[in-house]
Amino acid sequence: MRVAILVDRSGPGRKLADWLAEQACLQGLEVDLIDLSVAPAADLGPWLADADAYVVVTPCEVPADRPAVYPADLLEQMLKEIE
């Protein structure tokens, strides 16, 4: 089973995403840790097509000096990619 973990690794969610990826690997899952600060949502098609499950890691609080990435926007783009 392949899991795609989507996270902005430049933000506060990177530690949780790393932990989730490690735990998934320990359970024998294949993991794609996708850095949304590098891979734009529009380029996710190949990863999403290969994944059996998705995990989107978002911060509880977005610092004022960083643009917010909203899960709903990301989900909408993901749905477009897998149609």
Protein backbone atom coordinates (compact mmCIF):
# COMPACT_ATOMS: atom_id res chain seq x y z
CA MET A 1 0.00 0.00 0.00
CA ARG A 2 1.30 3.45 -0.95
CA VAL A 3 0.57 6.56 1.12
CA ALA A 4 1.13 10.12 -0.09
CA ILE A 5 1.86 12.57 2.75
CA LEU A 6 1.45 16.16 1.62
CA VAL A 7 3.05 18.91 3.70
CA ASP A 8 4.68 22.32 3.38
CA ARG A 9 8.05 21.24 4.78
CA SER A 10 9.14 24.84 5.27
CA GLY A 11 6.33 25.28 7.79
CA PRO A 12 5.51 23.96 11.24
CA GLY A 13 4.00 20.66 10.02
CA ARG A 14 7.31 19.15 8.89
CA LYS A 15 8.07 17.34 12.16
CA LEU A 16 4.66 15.69 12.24
CA ALA A 17 4.96 14.71 8.57
CA ASP A 18 8.39 13.18 9.18
CA TRP A 19 7.02 11.22 12.15
CA LEU A 20 4.00 10.00 10.15
CA ALA A 21 6.25 8.90 7.30
CA GLU A 22 8.52 7.01 9.70
CA GLN A 23 5.57 5.28 11.38
CA ALA A 24 4.05 4.32 8.03
CA CYS A 25 7.36 2.85 6.87
CA LEU A 26 7.65 0.85 10.09
CA GLN A 27 4.25 -0.65 9.27
CA GLY A 28 5.52 -1.73 5.84
CA LEU A 29 3.80 0.97 3.81
CA GLU A 30 5.39 2.73 0.86
CA VAL A 31 5.48 6.47 1.51
CA ASP A 32 5.76 9.49 -0.76
CA LEU A 33 6.52 12.55 1.38
CA ILE A 34 5.53 15.43 -0.89
CA ASP A 35 6.79 18.91 -0.08
CA LEU A 36 4.17 21.41 -1.24
CA SER A 37 6.64 24.28 -0.89
CA VAL A 38 8.58 22.70 -3.79
CA ALA A 39 5.96 20.71 -5.76
CA PRO A 40 3.01 22.92 -6.72
CA ALA A 41 -0.43 21.38 -6.28
CA ALA A 42 -0.85 21.39 -10.06
CA ASP A 43 2.01 18.86 -10.40
CA LEU A 44 0.66 16.25 -7.98
CA GLY A 45 -1.07 14.06 -10.57
CA PRO A 46 1.51 11.25 -10.80
CA TRP A 47 1.85 10.90 -7.01
CA LEU A 48 -1.88 11.01 -6.43
CA ALA A 49 -2.55 8.47 -9.17
CA ASP A 50 -0.14 5.99 -7.55
CA ALA A 51 -1.32 6.52 -3.95
CA ASP A 52 -3.82 4.29 -2.18
CA ALA A 53 -4.26 6.85 0.62
CA TYR A 54 -3.52 10.52 1.26
CA VAL A 55 -2.56 12.40 4.40
CA VAL A 56 -2.54 16.20 4.31
CA VAL A 57 -0.57 17.78 7.17
CA THR A 58 -1.55 21.36 7.86
CA PRO A 59 -0.49 23.59 10.75
CA CYS A 60 -2.96 24.43 13.48
CA GLU A 61 -1.81 28.02 13.26
CA VAL A 62 -0.27 29.81 10.30
CA PRO A 63 2.30 32.50 11.16
CA ALA A 64 1.28 35.97 9.99
CA ASP A 65 4.35 36.32 7.78
CA ARG A 66 3.53 33.19 5.72
CA PRO A 67 0.86 32.78 3.07
CA ALA A 68 -1.79 30.31 4.19
CA VAL A 69 -2.45 27.10 2.24
CA TYR A 70 -5.99 26.04 2.89
CA PRO A 71 -6.84 22.32 2.89
CA ALA A 72 -10.03 22.92 0.91
CA ASP A 73 -8.07 24.52 -1.94
CA LEU A 74 -5.59 21.67 -1.93
CA LEU A 75 -8.38 19.06 -1.84
CA GLU A 76 -10.09 20.72 -4.80
CA GLN A 77 -6.86 20.58 -6.80
CA MET A 78 -6.28 16.96 -5.80
CA LEU A 79 -9.75 15.98 -6.99
CA LYS A 80 -9.12 17.66 -10.34
CA GLU A 81 -5.86 15.72 -10.73
CA ILE A 82 -7.37 12.29 -10.10
CA GLU A 83 -10.47 12.70 -12.29
